[in-house]
Amino acid sequence: MVAPSSVSKPGDYHKGRPYNITAVRAPPVNAIWDYSVMTGKAPMSTTVSGRSCGECSLCCKLAKIIELDKPDGVWCRHCAPGRGGCMIYETRPPVCRNWNCNWILEPALGAEWRPLISKMILYYENDGRRLCVRVDPGYANAWRREPYYSQLKQCARRIAEAHKQVVVYIRKKAIVILPDKDVDLGDLEVGDQIWVGAQNSPKGKTWYAASVPADVPPEQATAWVMSRAAK
């Protein structure tokens, strides 16, 4: 078991160029939950044998769906949670029809990750460079519970060197899970970027995360972060 790290704020960067950096543009905060939009890939059709949404309809609460005039964080008017789910299932729009969460797609995720149980939805974006953990606001600390936190932290440690990220979203708030800490970036606006970098130190590698405004070109994100840290 891994004890949850204290959630820190961005800042306190060491001066100098980071050892390893990656800057990836964050998703639009109110993005449609279309799998092809979120990942930049065609919707995946291969699902884990024996898995289906069943009584789970958490995506019908957390997603903003423009086609249905549905805001994020509230139940879709066409959904009857726990009482049959989607009431327009046969005629639901493509944005709903073409998307599956990672629990449906990844056999490595255990039964505990079913959104109905975990109160979280996992999916990839930015061509798989970011694992997103979308948390039900009514269970905002679900990601810090076990066995979830240990698995998310292990994932962060495994993929960080490959310039990949693990980010928890609670409405507009973004929390980056790093190998050695968790960083609360606060609320993100549409197009904001999530920057992650690391530096070697006498005690080993230290990781950092920061939000970068949408108007900063991605190739200038590191310089922008370093300039802010130097002040």
Protein backbone atom coordinates (compact mmCIF):
# COMPACT_ATOMS: atom_id res chain seq x y z
CA MET A 1 0.00 0.00 0.00
CA VAL A 2 1.21 3.50 -0.83
CA ALA A 3 0.28 6.27 1.58
CA PRO A 4 -1.39 9.14 -0.30
CA SER A 5 1.06 11.97 -0.90
CA SER A 6 0.23 15.39 0.42
CA VAL A 7 -1.13 17.44 -2.48
CA SER A 8 1.23 20.33 -3.13
CA LYS A 9 0.90 23.47 -5.17
CA PRO A 10 3.05 24.18 -8.23
CA GLY A 11 6.17 26.19 -7.56
CA ASP A 12 9.47 25.95 -5.68
CA TYR A 13 11.31 24.92 -8.84
CA HIS A 14 15.07 24.66 -8.81
CA LYS A 15 16.75 27.07 -11.19
CA GLY A 16 18.28 25.64 -14.33
CA ARG A 17 17.07 23.41 -17.13
CA PRO A 18 15.01 20.38 -16.09
CA TYR A 19 16.51 16.94 -16.59
CA ASN A 20 13.44 15.64 -18.38
CA ILE A 21 10.44 17.63 -19.52
CA THR A 22 7.18 17.17 -21.34
CA ALA A 23 4.49 19.72 -22.04
CA VAL A 24 1.18 18.44 -23.33
CA ARG A 25 -1.83 20.63 -24.02
CA ALA A 26 -4.69 19.95 -21.64
CA PRO A 27 -8.09 19.00 -23.03
CA PRO A 28 -10.80 21.62 -23.34
CA VAL A 29 -12.44 21.66 -19.93
CA ASN A 30 -15.87 21.23 -21.50
CA ALA A 31 -14.78 18.80 -24.21
CA ILE A 32 -17.32 16.37 -25.60
CA TRP A 33 -16.63 12.88 -24.36
CA ASP A 34 -16.07 11.37 -27.78
CA TYR A 35 -13.32 8.75 -27.67
CA SER A 36 -11.99 9.77 -31.08
CA VAL A 37 -11.83 13.43 -29.99
CA MET A 38 -10.11 12.72 -26.68
CA THR A 39 -7.41 10.45 -28.04
CA GLY A 40 -6.95 11.63 -31.60
CA LYS A 41 -7.52 8.03 -32.70
CA ALA A 42 -10.42 6.18 -34.24
CA PRO A 43 -12.87 4.76 -31.67
CA MET A 44 -11.78 1.38 -30.39
CA SER A 45 -14.24 -1.44 -31.00
CA THR A 46 -12.46 -4.23 -29.12
CA THR A 47 -13.89 -4.59 -25.65
CA VAL A 48 -12.97 -6.96 -22.86
CA SER A 49 -14.92 -10.17 -23.11
CA GLY A 50 -17.69 -10.33 -20.55
CA ARG A 51 -17.64 -6.60 -19.77
CA SER A 52 -20.41 -4.14 -20.54
CA CYS A 53 -21.79 -0.95 -19.08
CA GLY A 54 -24.65 -2.83 -17.45
CA GLU A 55 -26.16 -0.68 -14.71
CA CYS A 56 -23.22 1.75 -14.80
CA SER A 57 -23.92 5.11 -16.43
CA LEU A 58 -21.43 7.41 -14.70
CA CYS A 59 -20.28 8.89 -18.02
CA CYS A 60 -23.88 10.11 -18.43
CA LYS A 61 -23.26 12.32 -15.40
CA LEU A 62 -19.66 13.51 -15.79
CA ALA A 63 -19.63 14.36 -19.51
CA LYS A 64 -20.80 17.49 -21.26
CA ILE A 65 -22.74 16.44 -24.36
CA ILE A 66 -23.50 19.30 -26.72
CA GLU A 67 -25.77 17.20 -28.92
CA LEU A 68 -28.05 16.61 -25.94
CA ASP A 69 -27.66 20.11 -24.47
CA LYS A 70 -26.26 18.48 -21.34
CA PRO A 71 -23.80 20.29 -19.03
CA ASP A 72 -21.03 18.42 -17.23
CA GLY A 73 -21.45 17.12 -13.70
CA VAL A 74 -25.22 16.55 -13.82
CA TRP A 75 -27.22 13.53 -14.88
CA CYS A 76 -28.40 13.45 -18.47
CA ARG A 77 -32.14 13.96 -18.68
CA HIS A 78 -32.32 10.79 -20.78
CA CYS A 79 -30.61 8.67 -18.11
CA ALA A 80 -32.28 6.74 -15.33
CA PRO A 81 -29.30 5.75 -13.13
CA GLY A 82 -29.87 2.41 -11.44
CA ARG A 83 -33.20 2.05 -13.26
CA GLY A 84 -32.15 0.98 -16.72
CA GLY A 85 -29.64 3.67 -17.65
CA CYS A 86 -29.98 5.36 -21.04
CA MET A 87 -33.61 5.68 -22.10
CA ILE A 88 -32.65 6.57 -25.70
CA TYR A 89 -30.00 3.88 -26.04
CA GLU A 90 -31.01 2.78 -29.55
CA THR A 91 -31.01 6.37 -30.86
CA ARG A 92 -28.24 7.86 -28.72
CA PRO A 93 -25.90 10.25 -30.59
CA PRO A 94 -22.55 9.05 -32.03
CA VAL A 95 -20.63 10.90 -29.32
CA CYS A 96 -22.16 8.46 -26.81
CA ARG A 97 -22.28 5.45 -29.10
CA ASN A 98 -18.59 5.54 -30.09
CA TRP A 99 -17.02 5.96 -26.66
CA ASN A 100 -15.95 3.42 -24.03
CA CYS A 101 -14.06 3.96 -20.79
CA ASN A 102 -10.83 2.11 -20.10
CA TRP A 103 -12.55 -0.43 -17.85
CA ILE A 104 -14.44 -1.67 -20.89
CA LEU A 105 -11.31 -1.68 -23.07
CA GLU A 106 -8.44 -2.78 -20.82
CA PRO A 107 -8.36 -6.30 -19.34
CA ALA A 108 -5.59 -5.28 -16.92
CA LEU A 109 -8.04 -3.17 -14.94
CA GLY A 110 -9.64 -5.21 -12.20
CA ALA A 111 -13.28 -5.33 -11.22
CA GLU A 112 -12.64 -2.62 -8.61
CA TRP A 113 -12.14 -0.09 -11.43
CA ARG A 114 -15.67 -0.44 -12.75
CA PRO A 115 -16.94 3.16 -12.58
CA LEU A 116 -20.08 2.12 -10.72
CA ILE A 117 -17.79 0.89 -7.93
CA SER A 118 -14.79 3.25 -8.12
CA LYS A 119 -16.74 6.47 -8.82
CA MET A 120 -14.11 7.27 -11.45
CA ILE A 121 -13.82 6.99 -15.21
CA LEU A 122 -10.44 6.32 -16.82
CA TYR A 123 -9.56 7.18 -20.41
CA TYR A 124 -6.57 8.24 -22.51
CA GLU A 125 -6.07 11.44 -24.47
CA ASN A 126 -3.29 13.08 -26.50
CA ASP A 127 -2.54 9.85 -28.36
CA GLY A 128 -2.18 7.94 -25.12
CA ARG A 129 0.27 10.37 -23.54
CA ARG A 130 -2.09 11.18 -20.68
CA LEU A 131 -4.11 8.86 -18.48
CA CYS A 132 -7.13 10.85 -17.29
CA VAL A 133 -8.94 9.97 -14.10
CA ARG A 134 -12.31 11.71 -14.14
CA VAL A 135 -13.78 11.64 -10.61
CA ASP A 136 -17.41 11.97 -9.60
CA PRO A 137 -17.51 15.30 -7.69
CA GLY A 138 -19.76 13.67 -5.13
CA TYR A 139 -16.85 11.36 -4.25
CA ALA A 140 -13.98 13.82 -4.75
CA ASN A 141 -11.49 11.78 -2.69
CA ALA A 142 -12.22 8.47 -4.40
CA TRP A 143 -8.86 8.55 -6.24
CA ARG A 144 -7.02 8.71 -2.90
CA ARG A 145 -8.60 5.52 -1.59
CA GLU A 146 -7.05 2.07 -1.87
CA PRO A 147 -6.52 0.10 -3.97
CA TYR A 148 -6.83 2.96 -6.45
CA TYR A 149 -4.14 5.34 -5.21
CA SER A 150 -1.39 2.74 -5.14
CA GLN A 151 -2.16 1.70 -8.69
CA LEU A 152 -2.29 5.28 -9.97
CA LYS A 153 1.00 6.10 -8.25
CA GLN A 154 2.66 2.98 -9.69
CA CYS A 155 1.41 3.95 -13.13
CA ALA A 156 2.83 7.47 -12.72
CA ARG A 157 6.23 6.06 -11.75
CA ARG A 158 6.19 3.66 -14.69
CA ILE A 159 5.29 6.13 -17.43
CA ALA A 160 6.90 9.39 -16.29
CA GLU A 161 10.22 8.73 -18.00
CA ALA A 162 8.33 8.17 -21.26
CA HIS A 163 6.97 11.74 -21.07
CA LYS A 164 3.49 10.58 -20.12
CA GLN A 165 1.17 11.89 -17.42
CA VAL A 166 -1.46 10.77 -14.93
CA VAL A 167 -3.98 13.54 -14.24
CA VAL A 168 -6.99 13.49 -11.92
CA TYR A 169 -9.88 15.75 -12.93
CA ILE A 170 -12.60 16.86 -10.50
CA ARG A 171 -14.79 19.14 -12.59
CA LYS A 172 -12.31 21.80 -13.82
CA LYS A 173 -9.69 21.04 -11.16
CA ALA A 174 -6.61 19.10 -12.29
CA ILE A 175 -4.28 17.18 -9.97
CA VAL A 176 -1.12 15.70 -11.47
CA ILE A 177 0.08 12.44 -9.91
CA LEU A 178 3.87 12.42 -10.07
CA PRO A 179 6.31 9.69 -9.00
CA ASP A 180 7.22 11.56 -5.79
CA LYS A 181 4.25 13.86 -5.10
CA ASP A 182 0.84 15.04 -6.26
CA VAL A 183 0.39 18.60 -7.53
CA ASP A 184 -2.93 20.46 -7.45
CA LEU A 185 -3.00 22.80 -10.45
CA GLY A 186 -6.37 24.28 -9.52
CA ASP A 187 -9.00 24.96 -12.15
CA LEU A 188 -7.92 24.76 -15.80
CA GLU A 189 -9.41 26.86 -18.55
CA VAL A 190 -10.04 25.76 -22.12
CA GLY A 191 -6.76 25.04 -23.91
CA ASP A 192 -4.49 25.35 -20.85
CA GLN A 193 -1.43 23.11 -20.95
CA ILE A 194 -0.10 20.75 -18.29
CA TRP A 195 3.70 20.88 -17.99
CA VAL A 196 5.65 18.14 -16.21
CA GLY A 197 9.39 18.20 -15.64
CA ALA A 198 12.08 16.70 -13.44
CA GLN A 199 15.54 17.58 -12.14
CA ASN A 200 18.31 15.53 -10.61
CA SER A 201 19.13 16.42 -7.03
CA PRO A 202 21.42 14.98 -4.33
CA LYS A 203 18.45 12.98 -3.05
CA GLY A 204 17.47 11.71 -6.49
CA LYS A 205 15.09 12.93 -9.14
CA THR A 206 12.54 15.57 -8.14
CA TRP A 207 9.39 16.04 -10.20
CA TYR A 208 7.35 19.17 -10.83
CA ALA A 209 4.09 20.10 -12.56
CA ALA A 210 2.57 23.39 -13.60
CA SER A 211 -0.26 24.77 -15.69
CA VAL A 212 0.69 26.91 -18.67
CA PRO A 213 -1.76 29.35 -20.32
CA ALA A 214 -3.25 28.40 -23.66
CA ASP A 215 -1.61 31.35 -25.46
CA VAL A 216 1.92 30.09 -24.69
CA PRO A 217 3.23 27.99 -27.62
CA PRO A 218 3.95 24.41 -26.45
CA GLU A 219 7.58 24.67 -27.51
CA GLN A 220 7.95 27.66 -25.17
CA ALA A 221 6.21 26.07 -22.17
CA THR A 222 9.42 25.08 -20.39
CA ALA A 223 10.94 28.54 -20.77
CA TRP A 224 7.69 30.07 -19.49
CA VAL A 225 7.70 27.84 -16.40
CA MET A 226 11.37 28.52 -15.69
CA SER A 227 10.90 32.27 -16.04
CA ARG A 228 8.06 32.18 -13.53
CA ALA A 229 10.11 30.07 -11.13
CA ALA A 230 13.04 32.51 -11.28
CA LYS A 231 10.90 35.40 -10.02
